[in-house]
Amino acid sequence: MTKYQLLFIIENGIDDEAKEAVVTKFTDLIASLGGTVTTVDKWGTRKYAYPINYKTEGYYVRMLFEAEPTVPQEVDRQMRINENIVRQLITKQA
């Protein structure tokens, strides 16, 4: 299995329970696709370098996981259709 890093920004306007639900949803998604999440690092609310959709802050989460090469494509697809995700980036770890 390959190691990946997933960094994503959650909409800051939702409550803390909803933010936790988004993190849990994608942790469960990776597990259901046969991957294993090794680390979930919640960075919290941070300012953007530039406004995104007229907003200046977002809730940042970094997740490390191991999975087959097809899993990141599905995770990225699911994140693109989720209205609470502002941005996401999946990179392969060395």
PDB file of N, CA and C in Angstrom:
ATOM      1  N   MET A   1       0.834  -1.182   0.000  1.00  0.00           N
ATOM      2  CA  MET A   1       0.000   0.000   0.000  1.00  0.00           C
ATOM      3  C   MET A   1       0.880   1.249   0.000  1.00  0.00           C
ATOM      4  N   THR A   2       0.372   2.290  -0.595  1.00  0.00           N
ATOM      5  CA  THR A   2       1.091   3.547  -0.729  1.00  0.00           C
ATOM      6  C   THR A   2       0.655   4.519   0.365  1.00  0.00           C
ATOM      7  N   LYS A   3       1.593   5.337   0.830  1.00  0.00           N
ATOM      8  CA  LYS A   3       1.284   6.344   1.847  1.00  0.00           C
ATOM      9  C   LYS A   3       0.891   7.650   1.166  1.00  0.00           C
ATOM     10  N   TYR A   4      -0.158   8.286   1.698  1.00  0.00           N
ATOM     11  CA  TYR A   4      -0.659   9.543   1.163  1.00  0.00           C
ATOM     12  C   TYR A   4      -0.860  10.553   2.287  1.00  0.00           C
ATOM     13  N   GLN A   5      -0.830  11.831   1.895  1.00  0.00           N
ATOM     14  CA  GLN A   5      -1.183  12.919   2.803  1.00  0.00           C
ATOM     15  C   GLN A   5      -2.378  13.648   2.193  1.00  0.00           C
ATOM     16  N   LEU A   6      -3.380  13.882   2.999  1.00  0.00           N
ATOM     17  CA  LEU A   6      -4.576  14.597   2.566  1.00  0.00           C
ATOM     18  C   LEU A   6      -4.703  15.849   3.420  1.00  0.00           C
ATOM     19  N   LEU A   7      -4.694  17.003   2.784  1.00  0.00           N
ATOM     20  CA  LEU A   7      -4.899  18.268   3.481  1.00  0.00           C
ATOM     21  C   LEU A   7      -6.169  18.876   2.921  1.00  0.00           C
ATOM     22  N   PHE A   8      -7.104  19.197   3.808  1.00  0.00           N
ATOM     23  CA  PHE A   8      -8.346  19.801   3.333  1.00  0.00           C
ATOM     24  C   PHE A   8      -8.812  20.892   4.276  1.00  0.00           C
ATOM     25  N   ILE A   9      -9.621  21.810   3.719  1.00  0.00           N
ATOM     26  CA  ILE A   9     -10.158  22.938   4.467  1.00  0.00           C
ATOM     27  C   ILE A   9     -11.668  22.788   4.518  1.00  0.00           C
ATOM     28  N   ILE A  10     -12.195  22.852   5.744  1.00  0.00           N
ATOM     29  CA  ILE A  10     -13.643  22.767   5.948  1.00  0.00           C
ATOM     30  C   ILE A  10     -14.187  24.182   6.116  1.00  0.00           C
ATOM     31  N   GLU A  11     -15.380  24.401   5.597  1.00  0.00           N
ATOM     32  CA  GLU A  11     -16.069  25.684   5.743  1.00  0.00           C
ATOM     33  C   GLU A  11     -16.120  26.067   7.217  1.00  0.00           C
ATOM     34  N   ASN A  12     -15.688  27.258   7.556  1.00  0.00           N
ATOM     35  CA  ASN A  12     -15.610  27.676   8.953  1.00  0.00           C
ATOM     36  C   ASN A  12     -16.975  28.073   9.515  1.00  0.00           C
ATOM     37  N   GLY A  13     -17.959  28.309   8.668  1.00  0.00           N
ATOM     38  CA  GLY A  13     -19.264  28.772   9.115  1.00  0.00           C
ATOM     39  C   GLY A  13     -20.145  27.707   9.745  1.00  0.00           C
ATOM     40  N   ILE A  14     -19.764  26.438   9.680  1.00  0.00           N
ATOM     41  CA  ILE A  14     -20.576  25.380  10.279  1.00  0.00           C
ATOM     42  C   ILE A  14     -20.125  25.140  11.721  1.00  0.00           C
ATOM     43  N   ASP A  15     -20.980  24.500  12.511  1.00  0.00           N
ATOM     44  CA  ASP A  15     -20.643  24.294  13.930  1.00  0.00           C
ATOM     45  C   ASP A  15     -19.613  23.166  14.098  1.00  0.00           C
ATOM     46  N   ASP A  16     -19.085  23.046  15.315  1.00  0.00           N
ATOM     47  CA  ASP A  16     -18.006  22.094  15.590  1.00  0.00           C
ATOM     48  C   ASP A  16     -18.427  20.651  15.371  1.00  0.00           C
ATOM     49  N   GLU A  17     -19.676  20.312  15.692  1.00  0.00           N
ATOM     50  CA  GLU A  17     -20.154  18.944  15.490  1.00  0.00           C
ATOM     51  C   GLU A  17     -20.177  18.588  14.008  1.00  0.00           C
ATOM     52  N   ALA A  18     -20.566  19.534  13.176  1.00  0.00           N
ATOM     53  CA  ALA A  18     -20.605  19.289  11.733  1.00  0.00           C
ATOM     54  C   ALA A  18     -19.192  19.139  11.167  1.00  0.00           C
ATOM     55  N   LYS A  19     -18.241  19.915  11.692  1.00  0.00           N
ATOM     56  CA  LYS A  19     -16.845  19.780  11.262  1.00  0.00           C
ATOM     57  C   LYS A  19     -16.314  18.397  11.618  1.00  0.00           C
ATOM     58  N   GLU A  20     -16.624  17.961  12.829  1.00  0.00           N
ATOM     59  CA  GLU A  20     -16.186  16.627  13.269  1.00  0.00           C
ATOM     60  C   GLU A  20     -16.841  15.539  12.419  1.00  0.00           C
ATOM     61  N   ALA A  21     -18.092  15.756  12.020  1.00  0.00           N
ATOM     62  CA  ALA A  21     -18.799  14.786  11.177  1.00  0.00           C
ATOM     63  C   ALA A  21     -18.140  14.680   9.799  1.00  0.00           C
ATOM     64  N   VAL A  22     -17.667  15.801   9.264  1.00  0.00           N
ATOM     65  CA  VAL A  22     -16.983  15.780   7.964  1.00  0.00           C
ATOM     66  C   VAL A  22     -15.682  14.991   8.070  1.00  0.00           C
ATOM     67  N   VAL A  23     -14.910  15.221   9.131  1.00  0.00           N
ATOM     68  CA  VAL A  23     -13.655  14.494   9.325  1.00  0.00           C
ATOM     69  C   VAL A  23     -13.936  13.002   9.472  1.00  0.00           C
ATOM     70  N   THR A  24     -14.939  12.644  10.261  1.00  0.00           N
ATOM     71  CA  THR A  24     -15.299  11.247  10.468  1.00  0.00           C
ATOM     72  C   THR A  24     -15.772  10.599   9.168  1.00  0.00           C
ATOM     73  N   LYS A  25     -16.518  11.344   8.362  1.00  0.00           N
ATOM     74  CA  LYS A  25     -17.026  10.812   7.092  1.00  0.00           C
ATOM     75  C   LYS A  25     -15.874  10.377   6.189  1.00  0.00           C
ATOM     76  N   PHE A  26     -14.838  11.207   6.087  1.00  0.00           N
ATOM     77  CA  PHE A  26     -13.748  10.866   5.181  1.00  0.00           C
ATOM     78  C   PHE A  26     -12.797   9.843   5.785  1.00  0.00           C
ATOM     79  N   THR A  27     -12.689   9.804   7.102  1.00  0.00           N
ATOM     80  CA  THR A  27     -11.929   8.745   7.749  1.00  0.00           C
ATOM     81  C   THR A  27     -12.598   7.394   7.492  1.00  0.00           C
ATOM     82  N   ASP A  28     -13.921   7.360   7.639  1.00  0.00           N
ATOM     83  CA  ASP A  28     -14.676   6.130   7.385  1.00  0.00           C
ATOM     84  C   ASP A  28     -14.639   5.736   5.906  1.00  0.00           C
ATOM     85  N   LEU A  29     -14.658   6.725   5.019  1.00  0.00           N
ATOM     86  CA  LEU A  29     -14.608   6.446   3.586  1.00  0.00           C
ATOM     87  C   LEU A  29     -13.301   5.750   3.216  1.00  0.00           C
ATOM     88  N   ILE A  30     -12.193   6.265   3.734  1.00  0.00           N
ATOM     89  CA  ILE A  30     -10.890   5.644   3.450  1.00  0.00           C
ATOM     90  C   ILE A  30     -10.859   4.217   3.987  1.00  0.00           C
ATOM     91  N   ALA A  31     -11.381   4.020   5.194  1.00  0.00           N
ATOM     92  CA  ALA A  31     -11.410   2.678   5.780  1.00  0.00           C
ATOM     93  C   ALA A  31     -12.294   1.733   4.970  1.00  0.00           C
ATOM     94  N   SER A  32     -13.423   2.226   4.485  1.00  0.00           N
ATOM     95  CA  SER A  32     -14.333   1.366   3.725  1.00  0.00           C
ATOM     96  C   SER A  32     -13.757   0.984   2.363  1.00  0.00           C
ATOM     97  N   LEU A  33     -12.831   1.789   1.851  1.00  0.00           N
ATOM     98  CA  LEU A  33     -12.196   1.480   0.569  1.00  0.00           C
ATOM     99  C   LEU A  33     -10.949   0.618   0.734  1.00  0.00           C
ATOM    100  N   GLY A  34     -10.691   0.171   1.965  1.00  0.00           N
ATOM    101  CA  GLY A  34      -9.571  -0.732   2.210  1.00  0.00           C
ATOM    102  C   GLY A  34      -8.297  -0.056   2.676  1.00  0.00           C
ATOM    103  N   GLY A  35      -8.348   1.237   2.948  1.00  0.00           N
ATOM    104  CA  GLY A  35      -7.172   1.955   3.424  1.00  0.00           C
ATOM    105  C   GLY A  35      -7.159   2.038   4.941  1.00  0.00           C
ATOM    106  N   THR A  36      -6.053   2.536   5.480  1.00  0.00           N
ATOM    107  CA  THR A  36      -5.949   2.746   6.921  1.00  0.00           C
ATOM    108  C   THR A  36      -5.471   4.168   7.175  1.00  0.00           C
ATOM    109  N   VAL A  37      -6.187   4.871   8.040  1.00  0.00           N
ATOM    110  CA  VAL A  37      -5.812   6.227   8.423  1.00  0.00           C
ATOM    111  C   VAL A  37      -4.847   6.118   9.598  1.00  0.00           C
ATOM    112  N   THR A  38      -3.650   6.675   9.439  1.00  0.00           N
ATOM    113  CA  THR A  38      -2.647   6.588  10.495  1.00  0.00           C
ATOM    114  C   THR A  38      -2.671   7.803  11.408  1.00  0.00           C
ATOM    115  N   THR A  39      -2.926   8.992  10.861  1.00  0.00           N
ATOM    116  CA  THR A  39      -2.913  10.217  11.666  1.00  0.00           C
ATOM    117  C   THR A  39      -3.991  11.175  11.180  1.00  0.00           C
ATOM    118  N   VAL A  40      -4.699  11.790  12.119  1.00  0.00           N
ATOM    119  CA  VAL A  40      -5.613  12.887  11.818  1.00  0.00           C
ATOM    120  C   VAL A  40      -5.163  14.063  12.674  1.00  0.00           C
ATOM    121  N   ASP A  41      -4.700  15.112  12.016  1.00  0.00           N
ATOM    122  CA  ASP A  41      -4.155  16.275  12.697  1.00  0.00           C
ATOM    123  C   ASP A  41      -5.050  17.475  12.395  1.00  0.00           C
ATOM    124  N   LYS A  42      -5.824  17.902  13.380  1.00  0.00           N
ATOM    125  CA  LYS A  42      -6.741  19.032  13.207  1.00  0.00           C
ATOM    126  C   LYS A  42      -6.003  20.313  13.568  1.00  0.00           C
ATOM    127  N   TRP A  43      -5.708  21.123  12.561  1.00  0.00           N
ATOM    128  CA  TRP A  43      -4.969  22.362  12.782  1.00  0.00           C
ATOM    129  C   TRP A  43      -5.871  23.468  13.305  1.00  0.00           C
ATOM    130  N   GLY A  44      -7.157  23.356  13.116  1.00  0.00           N
ATOM    131  CA  GLY A  44      -8.087  24.370  13.605  1.00  0.00           C
ATOM    132  C   GLY A  44      -8.305  25.487  12.595  1.00  0.00           C
ATOM    133  N   THR A  45      -8.892  26.576  13.076  1.00  0.00           N
ATOM    134  CA  THR A  45      -9.230  27.710  12.219  1.00  0.00           C
ATOM    135  C   THR A  45      -7.986  28.548  11.946  1.00  0.00           C
ATOM    136  N   ARG A  46      -7.773  28.822  10.670  1.00  0.00           N
ATOM    137  CA  ARG A  46      -6.634  29.643  10.247  1.00  0.00           C
ATOM    138  C   ARG A  46      -7.080  30.598   9.156  1.00  0.00           C
ATOM    139  N   LYS A  47      -6.358  31.691   9.031  1.00  0.00           N
ATOM    140  CA  LYS A  47      -6.633  32.665   7.982  1.00  0.00           C
ATOM    141  C   LYS A  47      -6.105  32.159   6.644  1.00  0.00           C
ATOM    142  N   TYR A  48      -6.837  32.477   5.575  1.00  0.00           N
ATOM    143  CA  TYR A  48      -6.392  32.171   4.227  1.00  0.00           C
ATOM    144  C   TYR A  48      -5.338  33.195   3.804  1.00  0.00           C
ATOM    145  N   ALA A  49      -4.507  32.821   2.861  1.00  0.00           N
ATOM    146  CA  ALA A  49      -3.547  33.759   2.289  1.00  0.00           C
ATOM    147  C   ALA A  49      -4.263  34.786   1.410  1.00  0.00           C
ATOM    148  N   TYR A  50      -5.398  34.391   0.870  1.00  0.00           N
ATOM    149  CA  TYR A  50      -6.222  35.269   0.037  1.00  0.00           C
ATOM    150  C   TYR A  50      -7.673  34.831   0.217  1.00  0.00           C
ATOM    151  N   PRO A  51      -8.641  35.719   0.001  1.00  0.00           N
ATOM    152  CA  PRO A  51     -10.053  35.338   0.176  1.00  0.00           C
ATOM    153  C   PRO A  51     -10.485  34.240  -0.799  1.00  0.00           C
ATOM    154  N   ILE A  52     -11.258  33.297  -0.269  1.00  0.00           N
ATOM    155  CA  ILE A  52     -11.844  32.231  -1.075  1.00  0.00           C
ATOM    156  C   ILE A  52     -13.347  32.306  -0.880  1.00  0.00           C
ATOM    157  N   ASN A  53     -14.070  32.520  -1.958  1.00  0.00           N
ATOM    158  CA  ASN A  53     -15.525  32.669  -1.901  1.00  0.00           C
ATOM    159  C   ASN A  53     -15.935  33.744  -0.897  1.00  0.00           C
ATOM    160  N   TYR A  54     -15.207  34.858  -0.891  1.00  0.00           N
ATOM    161  CA  TYR A  54     -15.456  36.025  -0.045  1.00  0.00           C
ATOM    162  C   TYR A  54     -15.294  35.732   1.442  1.00  0.00           C
ATOM    163  N   LYS A  55     -14.582  34.675   1.790  1.00  0.00           N
ATOM    164  CA  LYS A  55     -14.333  34.334   3.195  1.00  0.00           C
ATOM    165  C   LYS A  55     -12.830  34.356   3.435  1.00  0.00           C
ATOM    166  N   THR A  56     -12.436  34.589   4.690  1.00  0.00           N
ATOM    167  CA  THR A  56     -11.015  34.752   4.993  1.00  0.00           C
ATOM    168  C   THR A  56     -10.469  33.695   5.944  1.00  0.00           C
ATOM    169  N   GLU A  57     -11.318  32.799   6.461  1.00  0.00           N
ATOM    170  CA  GLU A  57     -10.867  31.772   7.389  1.00  0.00           C
ATOM    171  C   GLU A  57     -11.481  30.422   7.060  1.00  0.00           C
ATOM    172  N   GLY A  58     -10.763  29.360   7.429  1.00  0.00           N
ATOM    173  CA  GLY A  58     -11.252  28.010   7.243  1.00  0.00           C
ATOM    174  C   GLY A  58     -10.668  27.092   8.297  1.00  0.00           C
ATOM    175  N   TYR A  59     -11.253  25.908   8.437  1.00  0.00           N
ATOM    176  CA  TYR A  59     -10.820  24.913   9.414  1.00  0.00           C
ATOM    177  C   TYR A  59      -9.959  23.878   8.691  1.00  0.00           C
ATOM    178  N   TYR A  60      -8.678  23.827   9.030  1.00  0.00           N
ATOM    179  CA  TYR A  60      -7.714  22.980   8.331  1.00  0.00           C
ATOM    180  C   TYR A  60      -7.567  21.619   9.015  1.00  0.00           C
ATOM    181  N   VAL A  61      -7.490  20.561   8.203  1.00  0.00           N
ATOM    182  CA  VAL A  61      -7.290  19.203   8.710  1.00  0.00           C
ATOM    183  C   VAL A  61      -6.259  18.517   7.817  1.00  0.00           C
ATOM    184  N   ARG A  62      -5.288  17.845   8.454  1.00  0.00           N
ATOM    185  CA  ARG A  62      -4.278  17.064   7.740  1.00  0.00           C
ATOM    186  C   ARG A  62      -4.446  15.604   8.142  1.00  0.00           C
ATOM    187  N   MET A  63      -4.514  14.731   7.147  1.00  0.00           N
ATOM    188  CA  MET A  63      -4.745  13.317   7.392  1.00  0.00           C
ATOM    189  C   MET A  63      -3.682  12.503   6.648  1.00  0.00           C
ATOM    190  N   LEU A  64      -3.052  11.573   7.338  1.00  0.00           N
ATOM    191  CA  LEU A  64      -2.108  10.658   6.716  1.00  0.00           C
ATOM    192  C   LEU A  64      -2.769   9.282   6.636  1.00  0.00           C
ATOM    193  N   PHE A  65      -2.660   8.639   5.466  1.00  0.00           N
ATOM    194  CA  PHE A  65      -3.279   7.324   5.321  1.00  0.00           C
ATOM    195  C   PHE A  65      -2.499   6.472   4.340  1.00  0.00           C
ATOM    196  N   GLU A  66      -2.723   5.169   4.422  1.00  0.00           N
ATOM    197  CA  GLU A  66      -2.145   4.201   3.499  1.00  0.00           C
ATOM    198  C   GLU A  66      -3.288   3.536   2.754  1.00  0.00           C
ATOM    199  N   ALA A  67      -3.125   3.422   1.434  1.00  0.00           N
ATOM    200  CA  ALA A  67      -4.200   2.831   0.639  1.00  0.00           C
ATOM    201  C   ALA A  67      -3.665   2.400  -0.722  1.00  0.00           C
ATOM    202  N   GLU A  68      -4.505   1.705  -1.449  1.00  0.00           N
ATOM    203  CA  GLU A  68      -4.199   1.325  -2.823  1.00  0.00           C
ATOM    204  C   GLU A  68      -4.273   2.577  -3.710  1.00  0.00           C
ATOM    205  N   PRO A  69      -3.630   2.560  -4.871  1.00  0.00           N
ATOM    206  CA  PRO A  69      -3.589   3.754  -5.730  1.00  0.00           C
ATOM    207  C   PRO A  69      -4.940   4.256  -6.243  1.00  0.00           C
ATOM    208  N   THR A  70      -5.981   3.447  -6.201  1.00  0.00           N
ATOM    209  CA  THR A  70      -7.287   3.898  -6.683  1.00  0.00           C
ATOM    210  C   THR A  70      -8.072   4.674  -5.625  1.00  0.00           C
ATOM    211  N   VAL A  71      -7.710   4.559  -4.369  1.00  0.00           N
ATOM    212  CA  VAL A  71      -8.464   5.185  -3.270  1.00  0.00           C
ATOM    213  C   VAL A  71      -8.420   6.715  -3.319  1.00  0.00           C
ATOM    214  N   PRO A  72      -7.257   7.353  -3.552  1.00  0.00           N
ATOM    215  CA  PRO A  72      -7.241   8.823  -3.571  1.00  0.00           C
ATOM    216  C   PRO A  72      -8.163   9.442  -4.617  1.00  0.00           C
ATOM    217  N   GLN A  73      -8.356   8.774  -5.736  1.00  0.00           N
ATOM    218  CA  GLN A  73      -9.274   9.291  -6.759  1.00  0.00           C
ATOM    219  C   GLN A  73     -10.697   9.366  -6.225  1.00  0.00           C
ATOM    220  N   GLU A  74     -11.134   8.316  -5.528  1.00  0.00           N
ATOM    221  CA  GLU A  74     -12.495   8.295  -4.995  1.00  0.00           C
ATOM    222  C   GLU A  74     -12.652   9.311  -3.857  1.00  0.00           C
ATOM    223  N   VAL A  75     -11.642   9.431  -3.005  1.00  0.00           N
ATOM    224  CA  VAL A  75     -11.700  10.407  -1.914  1.00  0.00           C
ATOM    225  C   VAL A  75     -11.785  11.814  -2.490  1.00  0.00           C
ATOM    226  N   ASP A  76     -10.975  12.111  -3.503  1.00  0.00           N
ATOM    227  CA  ASP A  76     -11.001  13.425  -4.140  1.00  0.00           C
ATOM    228  C   ASP A  76     -12.366  13.698  -4.771  1.00  0.00           C
ATOM    229  N   ARG A  77     -12.947  12.692  -5.423  1.00  0.00           N
ATOM    230  CA  ARG A  77     -14.273  12.858  -6.042  1.00  0.00           C
ATOM    231  C   ARG A  77     -15.332  13.174  -5.001  1.00  0.00           C
ATOM    232  N   GLN A  78     -15.305  12.439  -3.878  1.00  0.00           N
ATOM    233  CA  GLN A  78     -16.281  12.667  -2.818  1.00  0.00           C
ATOM    234  C   GLN A  78     -16.108  14.063  -2.197  1.00  0.00           C
ATOM    235  N   MET A  79     -14.866  14.524  -2.070  1.00  0.00           N
ATOM    236  CA  MET A  79     -14.621  15.837  -1.482  1.00  0.00           C
ATOM    237  C   MET A  79     -15.084  16.958  -2.401  1.00  0.00           C
ATOM    238  N   ARG A  80     -14.959  16.763  -3.690  1.00  0.00           N
ATOM    239  CA  ARG A  80     -15.385  17.799  -4.637  1.00  0.00           C
ATOM    240  C   ARG A  80     -16.901  18.012  -4.613  1.00  0.00           C
ATOM    241  N   ILE A  81     -17.670  16.989  -4.293  1.00  0.00           N
ATOM    242  CA  ILE A  81     -19.126  17.145  -4.285  1.00  0.00           C
ATOM    243  C   ILE A  81     -19.669  17.490  -2.903  1.00  0.00           C
ATOM    244  N   ASN A  82     -18.807  17.580  -1.896  1.00  0.00           N
ATOM    245  CA  ASN A  82     -19.237  17.946  -0.544  1.00  0.00           C
ATOM    246  C   ASN A  82     -19.197  19.463  -0.412  1.00  0.00           C
ATOM    247  N   GLU A  83     -20.324  20.062  -0.063  1.00  0.00           N
ATOM    248  CA  GLU A  83     -20.409  21.520  -0.005  1.00  0.00           C
ATOM    249  C   GLU A  83     -19.655  22.124   1.175  1.00  0.00           C
ATOM    250  N   ASN A  84     -19.266  21.321   2.159  1.00  0.00           N
ATOM    251  CA  ASN A  84     -18.538  21.835   3.323  1.00  0.00           C
ATOM    252  C   ASN A  84     -17.022  21.855   3.129  1.00  0.00           C
ATOM    253  N   ILE A  85     -16.521  21.254   2.049  1.00  0.00           N
ATOM    254  CA  ILE A  85     -15.091  21.241   1.765  1.00  0.00           C
ATOM    255  C   ILE A  85     -14.774  22.419   0.842  1.00  0.00           C
ATOM    256  N   VAL A  86     -13.853  23.284   1.280  1.00  0.00           N
ATOM    257  CA  VAL A  86     -13.468  24.454   0.489  1.00  0.00           C
ATOM    258  C   VAL A  86     -12.369  24.080  -0.506  1.00  0.00           C
ATOM    259  N   ARG A  87     -11.314  23.433  -0.024  1.00  0.00           N
ATOM    260  CA  ARG A  87     -10.197  22.995  -0.857  1.00  0.00           C
ATOM    261  C   ARG A  87      -9.674  21.664  -0.331  1.00  0.00           C
ATOM    262  N   GLN A  88      -9.048  20.859  -1.212  1.00  0.00           N
ATOM    263  CA  GLN A  88      -8.428  19.619  -0.788  1.00  0.00           C
ATOM    264  C   GLN A  88      -7.213  19.351  -1.656  1.00  0.00           C
ATOM    265  N   LEU A  89      -6.240  18.653  -1.073  1.00  0.00           N
ATOM    266  CA  LEU A  89      -5.033  18.292  -1.786  1.00  0.00           C
ATOM    267  C   LEU A  89      -4.536  16.947  -1.276  1.00  0.00           C
ATOM    268  N   ILE A  90      -4.362  16.002  -2.178  1.00  0.00           N
ATOM    269  CA  ILE A  90      -3.842  14.678  -1.824  1.00  0.00           C
ATOM    270  C   ILE A  90      -2.482  14.531  -2.483  1.00  0.00           C
ATOM    271  N   THR A  91      -1.468  14.228  -1.679  1.00  0.00           N
ATOM    272  CA  THR A  91      -0.122  14.020  -2.206  1.00  0.00           C
ATOM    273  C   THR A  91       0.404  12.656  -1.756  1.00  0.00           C
ATOM    274  N   LYS A  92       1.259  12.090  -2.590  1.00  0.00           N
ATOM    275  CA  LYS A  92       1.884  10.802  -2.274  1.00  0.00           C
ATOM    276  C   LYS A  92       3.114  11.069  -1.414  1.00  0.00           C
ATOM    277  N   GLN A  93       3.277  10.279  -0.342  1.00  0.00           N
ATOM    278  CA  GLN A  93       4.414  10.436   0.540  1.00  0.00           C
ATOM    279  C   GLN A  93       5.579   9.603   0.034  1.00  0.00           C
ATOM    280  N   ALA A  94       6.773  10.059   0.294  1.00  0.00           N
ATOM    281  CA  ALA A  94       7.983   9.334  -0.139  1.00  0.00           C
ATOM    282  C   ALA A  94       8.259   8.162   0.774  1.00  0.00           C
TER     283      ALA A  94
END
